[in-house]
Amino acid sequence: MVDFAQFDTRGYPVVDVRTGYAAWVGIYEDTVEDLMDLDVLAGLTVPRWSTVPRAADLACGTGRTGAWLRDRGVAAVDGVDLTPEMLAVARERGAHARLVEADLAATGLDAAAYPLVITSLVDEHLPTLGPLYREAHRLAAPDGLFVLVGLHPQFIMAAGMPTHFTAADGTEVAITTHVHLVSDHVAAAFAAGWRLAELREAVVGDDWVARKPTWERFRGQPVSAAYVWSRAD
């Protein structure tokens, strides 16, 4: 595993995931760009969203991904998140059939019950990837898919920027961030019984620079990656 500390250029104070997202929840959707995750999901070709009867949305947060799935025809979505404050927003949004407060590595959801398991913008918070890939495999139906979208490791290293937010007092606060190479995902997925069905890498281009002019220096750098895994068994 690559240690993020050697790339960190910000030096922000760091908090754990639950503390960080509880504090960030009020402005979360004003600061997270759809370009980072939802637009990347929209470019995938393997998942046939409208045919999915039920999905498990791991680390569902405020319900952004769940709402996106429902808009694309997924009939029902069950969400899991570690942070009660994020779940409260998701509950108010109403996109999920069921919401559970739990760790994404031990969700308590039914085994082999979901044709689609999905997670967005979470893997950089995990010290290791194995537990996530194993739990996704446990949840997935025999012909199910696991879709993971998140920050590209190359961007985390090039930008030296942890996941962070502006606290109420104006200070910048980082949430525990880890670097997982593409090969780390492949190793964890294969060990859990997945095979790669699709991989999409999105780069910083005009759309990103229009929103964040200072990102001109990152133009052409991979910023997000979306993996689609199918069960190998």
C-alpha atoms as a PDB file:
ATOM      1  CA  MET A   1       0.000   0.000   0.000  1.00  0.00           C
ATOM      2  CA  VAL A   2       1.216   3.503  -0.846  1.00  0.00           C
ATOM      3  CA  ASP A   3       1.326   5.921   2.113  1.00  0.00           C
ATOM      4  CA  PHE A   4      -0.560   9.145   1.348  1.00  0.00           C
ATOM      5  CA  ALA A   5       1.550  11.097   3.848  1.00  0.00           C
ATOM      6  CA  GLN A   6       4.475  11.233   1.422  1.00  0.00           C
ATOM      7  CA  PHE A   7       2.281  13.102  -1.106  1.00  0.00           C
ATOM      8  CA  ASP A   8       0.307  15.359   1.241  1.00  0.00           C
ATOM      9  CA  THR A   9       0.893  19.001   0.294  1.00  0.00           C
ATOM     10  CA  ARG A  10      -1.846  20.492   2.487  1.00  0.00           C
ATOM     11  CA  GLY A  11      -1.066  19.457   6.050  1.00  0.00           C
ATOM     12  CA  TYR A  12      -4.670  19.926   7.164  1.00  0.00           C
ATOM     13  CA  PRO A  13      -5.750  18.544  10.540  1.00  0.00           C
ATOM     14  CA  VAL A  14      -7.163  15.049  10.006  1.00  0.00           C
ATOM     15  CA  VAL A  15     -10.319  13.532  11.466  1.00  0.00           C
ATOM     16  CA  ASP A  16     -11.842  10.066  11.135  1.00  0.00           C
ATOM     17  CA  VAL A  17     -14.557   9.284   8.600  1.00  0.00           C
ATOM     18  CA  ARG A  18     -17.577   9.445  10.906  1.00  0.00           C
ATOM     19  CA  THR A  19     -16.457  12.709  12.540  1.00  0.00           C
ATOM     20  CA  GLY A  20     -15.571  14.277   9.215  1.00  0.00           C
ATOM     21  CA  TYR A  21     -18.759  13.469   7.345  1.00  0.00           C
ATOM     22  CA  ALA A  22     -20.920  14.446  10.324  1.00  0.00           C
ATOM     23  CA  ALA A  23     -19.341  17.899  10.184  1.00  0.00           C
ATOM     24  CA  TRP A  24     -19.393  18.119   6.365  1.00  0.00           C
ATOM     25  CA  VAL A  25     -23.005  17.008   5.853  1.00  0.00           C
ATOM     26  CA  GLY A  26     -24.543  20.490   5.758  1.00  0.00           C
ATOM     27  CA  ILE A  27     -22.536  21.618   2.731  1.00  0.00           C
ATOM     28  CA  TYR A  28     -21.588  18.254   1.256  1.00  0.00           C
ATOM     29  CA  GLU A  29     -23.773  18.429  -1.834  1.00  0.00           C
ATOM     30  CA  ASP A  30     -22.700  22.014  -2.514  1.00  0.00           C
ATOM     31  CA  THR A  31     -19.057  20.955  -2.723  1.00  0.00           C
ATOM     32  CA  VAL A  32     -19.028  17.515  -4.388  1.00  0.00           C
ATOM     33  CA  GLU A  33     -19.092  17.737  -8.179  1.00  0.00           C
ATOM     34  CA  ASP A  34     -21.115  15.247 -10.219  1.00  0.00           C
ATOM     35  CA  LEU A  35     -18.127  15.168 -12.585  1.00  0.00           C
ATOM     36  CA  MET A  36     -16.239  13.249  -9.920  1.00  0.00           C
ATOM     37  CA  ASP A  37     -18.573  10.266  -9.752  1.00  0.00           C
ATOM     38  CA  LEU A  38     -22.083  10.432 -11.228  1.00  0.00           C
ATOM     39  CA  ASP A  39     -20.938  11.609 -14.653  1.00  0.00           C
ATOM     40  CA  VAL A  40     -18.357   8.818 -14.710  1.00  0.00           C
ATOM     41  CA  LEU A  41     -21.031   6.261 -13.853  1.00  0.00           C
ATOM     42  CA  ALA A  42     -23.120   7.618 -16.717  1.00  0.00           C
ATOM     43  CA  GLY A  43     -20.350   6.701 -19.158  1.00  0.00           C
ATOM     44  CA  LEU A  44     -20.319   3.012 -18.220  1.00  0.00           C
ATOM     45  CA  THR A  45     -21.706   0.556 -20.767  1.00  0.00           C
ATOM     46  CA  VAL A  46     -21.899  -2.779 -18.914  1.00  0.00           C
ATOM     47  CA  PRO A  47     -24.464  -2.024 -16.203  1.00  0.00           C
ATOM     48  CA  ARG A  48     -28.013  -1.972 -17.554  1.00  0.00           C
ATOM     49  CA  TRP A  49     -29.386   0.242 -14.832  1.00  0.00           C
ATOM     50  CA  SER A  50     -33.036   0.096 -15.861  1.00  0.00           C
ATOM     51  CA  THR A  51     -33.146  -3.703 -15.574  1.00  0.00           C
ATOM     52  CA  VAL A  52     -31.922  -3.821 -11.956  1.00  0.00           C
ATOM     53  CA  PRO A  53     -34.690  -4.784  -9.503  1.00  0.00           C
ATOM     54  CA  ARG A  54     -32.671  -4.014  -6.364  1.00  0.00           C
ATOM     55  CA  ALA A  55     -29.294  -2.459  -5.540  1.00  0.00           C
ATOM     56  CA  ALA A  56     -27.168  -2.152  -2.415  1.00  0.00           C
ATOM     57  CA  ASP A  57     -25.694   1.341  -2.096  1.00  0.00           C
ATOM     58  CA  LEU A  58     -22.704   1.064   0.238  1.00  0.00           C
ATOM     59  CA  ALA A  59     -21.553   4.277   1.939  1.00  0.00           C
ATOM     60  CA  CYS A  60     -24.709   5.875   0.559  1.00  0.00           C
ATOM     61  CA  GLY A  61     -24.071   9.225   2.245  1.00  0.00           C
ATOM     62  CA  THR A  62     -26.745  11.826   1.548  1.00  0.00           C
ATOM     63  CA  GLY A  63     -28.391   9.610  -1.050  1.00  0.00           C
ATOM     64  CA  ARG A  64     -26.909  11.189  -4.188  1.00  0.00           C
ATOM     65  CA  THR A  65     -26.042   7.833  -5.746  1.00  0.00           C
ATOM     66  CA  GLY A  66     -29.303   6.247  -4.684  1.00  0.00           C
ATOM     67  CA  ALA A  67     -31.300   9.048  -6.294  1.00  0.00           C
ATOM     68  CA  TRP A  68     -29.197   8.782  -9.463  1.00  0.00           C
ATOM     69  CA  LEU A  69     -29.890   5.034  -9.646  1.00  0.00           C
ATOM     70  CA  ARG A  70     -33.613   5.506  -9.162  1.00  0.00           C
ATOM     71  CA  ASP A  71     -33.654   8.147 -11.913  1.00  0.00           C
ATOM     72  CA  ARG A  72     -32.111   5.548 -14.234  1.00  0.00           C
ATOM     73  CA  GLY A  73     -34.742   2.943 -13.536  1.00  0.00           C
ATOM     74  CA  VAL A  74     -33.345   0.884 -10.654  1.00  0.00           C
ATOM     75  CA  ALA A  75     -36.503  -0.321  -8.951  1.00  0.00           C
ATOM     76  CA  ALA A  76     -35.317  -0.274  -5.325  1.00  0.00           C
ATOM     77  CA  VAL A  77     -32.137   0.716  -3.488  1.00  0.00           C
ATOM     78  CA  ASP A  78     -31.019  -0.213   0.030  1.00  0.00           C
ATOM     79  CA  GLY A  79     -28.439   2.123   1.549  1.00  0.00           C
ATOM     80  CA  VAL A  80     -25.761   1.632   4.188  1.00  0.00           C
ATOM     81  CA  ASP A  81     -23.651   4.338   5.805  1.00  0.00           C
ATOM     82  CA  LEU A  82     -21.509   4.773   8.897  1.00  0.00           C
ATOM     83  CA  THR A  83     -22.612   8.341   9.664  1.00  0.00           C
ATOM     84  CA  PRO A  84     -26.057   8.994  11.197  1.00  0.00           C
ATOM     85  CA  GLU A  85     -26.073  12.611  10.012  1.00  0.00           C
ATOM     86  CA  MET A  86     -25.593  11.572   6.393  1.00  0.00           C
ATOM     87  CA  LEU A  87     -28.285   8.914   6.728  1.00  0.00           C
ATOM     88  CA  ALA A  88     -30.704  11.539   8.036  1.00  0.00           C
ATOM     89  CA  VAL A  89     -30.301  13.530   4.824  1.00  0.00           C
ATOM     90  CA  ALA A  90     -30.681  10.377   2.724  1.00  0.00           C
ATOM     91  CA  ARG A  91     -33.830   9.469   4.632  1.00  0.00           C
ATOM     92  CA  GLU A  92     -35.324  12.900   3.941  1.00  0.00           C
ATOM     93  CA  ARG A  93     -34.464  12.553   0.251  1.00  0.00           C
ATOM     94  CA  GLY A  94     -36.489   9.345   0.065  1.00  0.00           C
ATOM     95  CA  ALA A  95     -34.636   7.522  -2.702  1.00  0.00           C
ATOM     96  CA  HIS A  96     -33.897   4.404  -0.634  1.00  0.00           C
ATOM     97  CA  ALA A  97     -36.272   1.607   0.294  1.00  0.00           C
ATOM     98  CA  ARG A  98     -34.184   0.854   3.378  1.00  0.00           C
ATOM     99  CA  LEU A  99     -31.369   2.654   5.204  1.00  0.00           C
ATOM    100  CA  VAL A 100     -28.994   0.975   7.633  1.00  0.00           C
ATOM    101  CA  GLU A 101     -26.326   2.460   9.877  1.00  0.00           C
ATOM    102  CA  ALA A 102     -23.375   0.084   9.556  1.00  0.00           C
ATOM    103  CA  ASP A 103     -19.829  -0.329   8.347  1.00  0.00           C
ATOM    104  CA  LEU A 104     -19.684  -1.117   4.634  1.00  0.00           C
ATOM    105  CA  ALA A 105     -17.549  -4.156   5.387  1.00  0.00           C
ATOM    106  CA  ALA A 106     -20.239  -5.616   7.661  1.00  0.00           C
ATOM    107  CA  THR A 107     -23.552  -4.288   6.399  1.00  0.00           C
ATOM    108  CA  GLY A 108     -25.918  -6.862   7.839  1.00  0.00           C
ATOM    109  CA  LEU A 109     -27.834  -6.923   4.531  1.00  0.00           C
ATOM    110  CA  ASP A 110     -28.995 -10.234   3.102  1.00  0.00           C
ATOM    111  CA  ALA A 111     -26.457 -12.375   1.261  1.00  0.00           C
ATOM    112  CA  ALA A 112     -26.764 -12.987  -2.495  1.00  0.00           C
ATOM    113  CA  ALA A 113     -29.741 -10.614  -2.630  1.00  0.00           C
ATOM    114  CA  TYR A 114     -28.557  -7.825  -4.930  1.00  0.00           C
ATOM    115  CA  PRO A 115     -28.064  -7.888  -8.712  1.00  0.00           C
ATOM    116  CA  LEU A 116     -26.124  -4.643  -8.233  1.00  0.00           C
ATOM    117  CA  VAL A 117     -23.821  -3.502  -5.446  1.00  0.00           C
ATOM    118  CA  ILE A 118     -22.389  -0.003  -5.786  1.00  0.00           C
ATOM    119  CA  THR A 119     -20.185   2.389  -3.850  1.00  0.00           C
ATOM    120  CA  SER A 120     -19.013   5.902  -4.633  1.00  0.00           C
ATOM    121  CA  LEU A 121     -16.204   8.112  -3.306  1.00  0.00           C
ATOM    122  CA  VAL A 122     -15.315   5.890  -0.385  1.00  0.00           C
ATOM    123  CA  ASP A 123     -12.344   3.647  -1.153  1.00  0.00           C
ATOM    124  CA  GLU A 124      -9.777   6.367  -0.320  1.00  0.00           C
ATOM    125  CA  HIS A 125     -11.006   6.238   3.288  1.00  0.00           C
ATOM    126  CA  LEU A 126     -10.334   2.512   3.697  1.00  0.00           C
ATOM    127  CA  PRO A 127      -6.982   1.323   5.032  1.00  0.00           C
ATOM    128  CA  THR A 128      -7.375  -1.906   3.037  1.00  0.00           C
ATOM    129  CA  LEU A 129      -9.725  -2.879   0.210  1.00  0.00           C
ATOM    130  CA  GLY A 130     -10.234  -6.568   0.955  1.00  0.00           C
ATOM    131  CA  PRO A 131     -13.143  -6.216   3.410  1.00  0.00           C
ATOM    132  CA  LEU A 132     -15.142  -4.049   0.983  1.00  0.00           C
ATOM    133  CA  TYR A 133     -14.675  -6.397  -1.959  1.00  0.00           C
ATOM    134  CA  ARG A 134     -15.533  -9.432   0.168  1.00  0.00           C
ATOM    135  CA  GLU A 135     -18.709  -7.869   1.544  1.00  0.00           C
ATOM    136  CA  ALA A 136     -19.789  -6.758  -1.934  1.00  0.00           C
ATOM    137  CA  HIS A 137     -19.298 -10.337  -3.133  1.00  0.00           C
ATOM    138  CA  ARG A 138     -21.355 -11.671  -0.222  1.00  0.00           C
ATOM    139  CA  LEU A 139     -24.203  -9.310  -1.073  1.00  0.00           C
ATOM    140  CA  ALA A 140     -24.192  -9.824  -4.837  1.00  0.00           C
ATOM    141  CA  ALA A 141     -26.563 -12.209  -6.549  1.00  0.00           C
ATOM    142  CA  PRO A 142     -24.890 -15.033  -8.529  1.00  0.00           C
ATOM    143  CA  ASP A 143     -24.958 -12.977 -11.738  1.00  0.00           C
ATOM    144  CA  GLY A 144     -24.527  -9.644  -9.937  1.00  0.00           C
ATOM    145  CA  LEU A 145     -22.229  -6.706 -10.556  1.00  0.00           C
ATOM    146  CA  PHE A 146     -20.161  -4.587  -8.198  1.00  0.00           C
ATOM    147  CA  VAL A 147     -19.610  -1.009  -9.395  1.00  0.00           C
ATOM    148  CA  LEU A 148     -17.028   1.142  -7.609  1.00  0.00           C
ATOM    149  CA  VAL A 149     -16.269   4.753  -8.533  1.00  0.00           C
ATOM    150  CA  GLY A 150     -13.796   6.962  -6.738  1.00  0.00           C
ATOM    151  CA  LEU A 151     -10.834   9.266  -6.881  1.00  0.00           C
ATOM    152  CA  HIS A 152      -8.061   8.026  -9.154  1.00  0.00           C
ATOM    153  CA  PRO A 153      -4.912   7.170  -7.170  1.00  0.00           C
ATOM    154  CA  GLN A 154      -2.780   9.093  -9.664  1.00  0.00           C
ATOM    155  CA  PHE A 155      -4.754  12.259  -8.936  1.00  0.00           C
ATOM    156  CA  ILE A 156      -4.452  11.839  -5.175  1.00  0.00           C
ATOM    157  CA  MET A 157      -0.703  11.504  -5.552  1.00  0.00           C
ATOM    158  CA  ALA A 158      -0.267  14.280  -8.149  1.00  0.00           C
ATOM    159  CA  ALA A 159      -2.457  16.807  -6.335  1.00  0.00           C
ATOM    160  CA  GLY A 160      -1.249  15.880  -2.862  1.00  0.00           C
ATOM    161  CA  MET A 161      -4.775  16.660  -1.746  1.00  0.00           C
ATOM    162  CA  PRO A 162      -6.719  14.611   0.803  1.00  0.00           C
ATOM    163  CA  THR A 163     -10.493  14.482   0.892  1.00  0.00           C
ATOM    164  CA  HIS A 164     -11.311  17.639   2.824  1.00  0.00           C
ATOM    165  CA  PHE A 165     -13.971  20.216   3.640  1.00  0.00           C
ATOM    166  CA  THR A 166     -14.267  23.693   5.137  1.00  0.00           C
ATOM    167  CA  ALA A 167     -15.425  23.566   8.750  1.00  0.00           C
ATOM    168  CA  ALA A 168     -17.909  26.017  10.250  1.00  0.00           C
ATOM    169  CA  ASP A 169     -15.068  28.145  11.631  1.00  0.00           C
ATOM    170  CA  GLY A 170     -13.464  28.423   8.186  1.00  0.00           C
ATOM    171  CA  THR A 171     -10.611  25.977   8.747  1.00  0.00           C
ATOM    172  CA  GLU A 172      -9.845  23.243   6.232  1.00  0.00           C
ATOM    173  CA  VAL A 173     -10.204  19.746   7.665  1.00  0.00           C
ATOM    174  CA  ALA A 174      -9.020  16.522   6.029  1.00  0.00           C
ATOM    175  CA  ILE A 175     -10.724  13.151   6.367  1.00  0.00           C
ATOM    176  CA  THR A 176      -8.453  10.126   6.659  1.00  0.00           C
ATOM    177  CA  THR A 177      -7.193   9.418   3.131  1.00  0.00           C
ATOM    178  CA  HIS A 178      -5.385   6.381   1.707  1.00  0.00           C
ATOM    179  CA  VAL A 179      -3.917   5.680  -1.720  1.00  0.00           C
ATOM    180  CA  HIS A 180      -4.981   2.439  -3.427  1.00  0.00           C
ATOM    181  CA  LEU A 181      -3.379   1.740  -6.781  1.00  0.00           C
ATOM    182  CA  VAL A 182      -5.390   0.234  -9.612  1.00  0.00           C
ATOM    183  CA  SER A 183      -3.443  -2.970  -9.024  1.00  0.00           C
ATOM    184  CA  ASP A 184      -4.566  -2.933  -5.372  1.00  0.00           C
ATOM    185  CA  HIS A 185      -8.174  -2.943  -6.550  1.00  0.00           C
ATOM    186  CA  VAL A 186      -7.475  -5.776  -8.973  1.00  0.00           C
ATOM    187  CA  ALA A 187      -5.735  -7.882  -6.312  1.00  0.00           C
ATOM    188  CA  ALA A 188      -8.500  -7.352  -3.731  1.00  0.00           C
ATOM    189  CA  ALA A 189     -11.241  -8.015  -6.280  1.00  0.00           C
ATOM    190  CA  PHE A 190      -9.681 -11.190  -7.646  1.00  0.00           C
ATOM    191  CA  ALA A 191      -9.090 -12.500  -4.115  1.00  0.00           C
ATOM    192  CA  ALA A 192     -12.778 -11.939  -3.301  1.00  0.00           C
ATOM    193  CA  GLY A 193     -14.019 -13.747  -6.406  1.00  0.00           C
ATOM    194  CA  TRP A 194     -14.601 -10.905  -8.880  1.00  0.00           C
ATOM    195  CA  ARG A 195     -13.491 -10.469 -12.478  1.00  0.00           C
ATOM    196  CA  LEU A 196     -13.169  -7.150 -14.268  1.00  0.00           C
ATOM    197  CA  ALA A 197     -15.985  -6.396 -16.721  1.00  0.00           C
ATOM    198  CA  GLU A 198     -15.299  -2.693 -17.396  1.00  0.00           C
ATOM    199  CA  LEU A 199     -12.906   0.070 -16.335  1.00  0.00           C
ATOM    200  CA  ARG A 200     -13.327   3.758 -17.095  1.00  0.00           C
ATOM    201  CA  GLU A 201     -10.773   6.441 -16.186  1.00  0.00           C
ATOM    202  CA  ALA A 202     -11.873  10.085 -16.426  1.00  0.00           C
ATOM    203  CA  VAL A 203      -9.336  12.889 -16.850  1.00  0.00           C
ATOM    204  CA  VAL A 204      -9.333  16.588 -15.990  1.00  0.00           C
ATOM    205  CA  GLY A 205     -10.542  18.457 -19.072  1.00  0.00           C
ATOM    206  CA  ASP A 206     -12.437  21.584 -20.048  1.00  0.00           C
ATOM    207  CA  ASP A 207     -15.434  20.748 -17.893  1.00  0.00           C
ATOM    208  CA  TRP A 208     -13.313  20.451 -14.770  1.00  0.00           C
ATOM    209  CA  VAL A 209     -11.237  23.541 -15.501  1.00  0.00           C
ATOM    210  CA  ALA A 210     -14.409  25.567 -16.084  1.00  0.00           C
ATOM    211  CA  ARG A 211     -15.533  24.680 -12.561  1.00  0.00           C
ATOM    212  CA  LYS A 212     -12.098  24.842 -10.938  1.00  0.00           C
ATOM    213  CA  PRO A 213      -9.767  27.157 -12.918  1.00  0.00           C
ATOM    214  CA  THR A 214      -6.818  26.362 -10.643  1.00  0.00           C
ATOM    215  CA  TRP A 215      -7.020  22.766 -11.892  1.00  0.00           C
ATOM    216  CA  GLU A 216      -5.573  23.827 -15.233  1.00  0.00           C
ATOM    217  CA  ARG A 217      -2.276  22.457 -13.926  1.00  0.00           C
ATOM    218  CA  PHE A 218      -3.916  19.014 -13.665  1.00  0.00           C
ATOM    219  CA  ARG A 219      -5.282  19.007 -17.218  1.00  0.00           C
ATOM    220  CA  GLY A 220      -4.986  15.517 -18.706  1.00  0.00           C
ATOM    221  CA  GLN A 221      -4.458  13.858 -15.316  1.00  0.00           C
ATOM    222  CA  PRO A 222      -6.772  10.981 -14.407  1.00  0.00           C
ATOM    223  CA  VAL A 223      -9.128  12.244 -11.696  1.00  0.00           C
ATOM    224  CA  SER A 224     -11.691   9.450 -11.261  1.00  0.00           C
ATOM    225  CA  ALA A 225     -11.905   5.726 -11.937  1.00  0.00           C
ATOM    226  CA  ALA A 226     -14.965   3.515 -12.230  1.00  0.00           C
ATOM    227  CA  TYR A 227     -14.669  -0.274 -12.033  1.00  0.00           C
ATOM    228  CA  VAL A 228     -17.366  -2.764 -12.945  1.00  0.00           C
ATOM    229  CA  TRP A 229     -16.816  -6.228 -11.490  1.00  0.00           C
ATOM    230  CA  SER A 230     -18.789  -9.396 -12.208  1.00  0.00           C
ATOM    231  CA  ARG A 231     -18.760 -12.528 -10.107  1.00  0.00           C
ATOM    232  CA  ALA A 232     -16.161 -15.031 -11.221  1.00  0.00           C
ATOM    233  CA  ASP A 233     -17.973 -18.048  -9.743  1.00  0.00           C
END
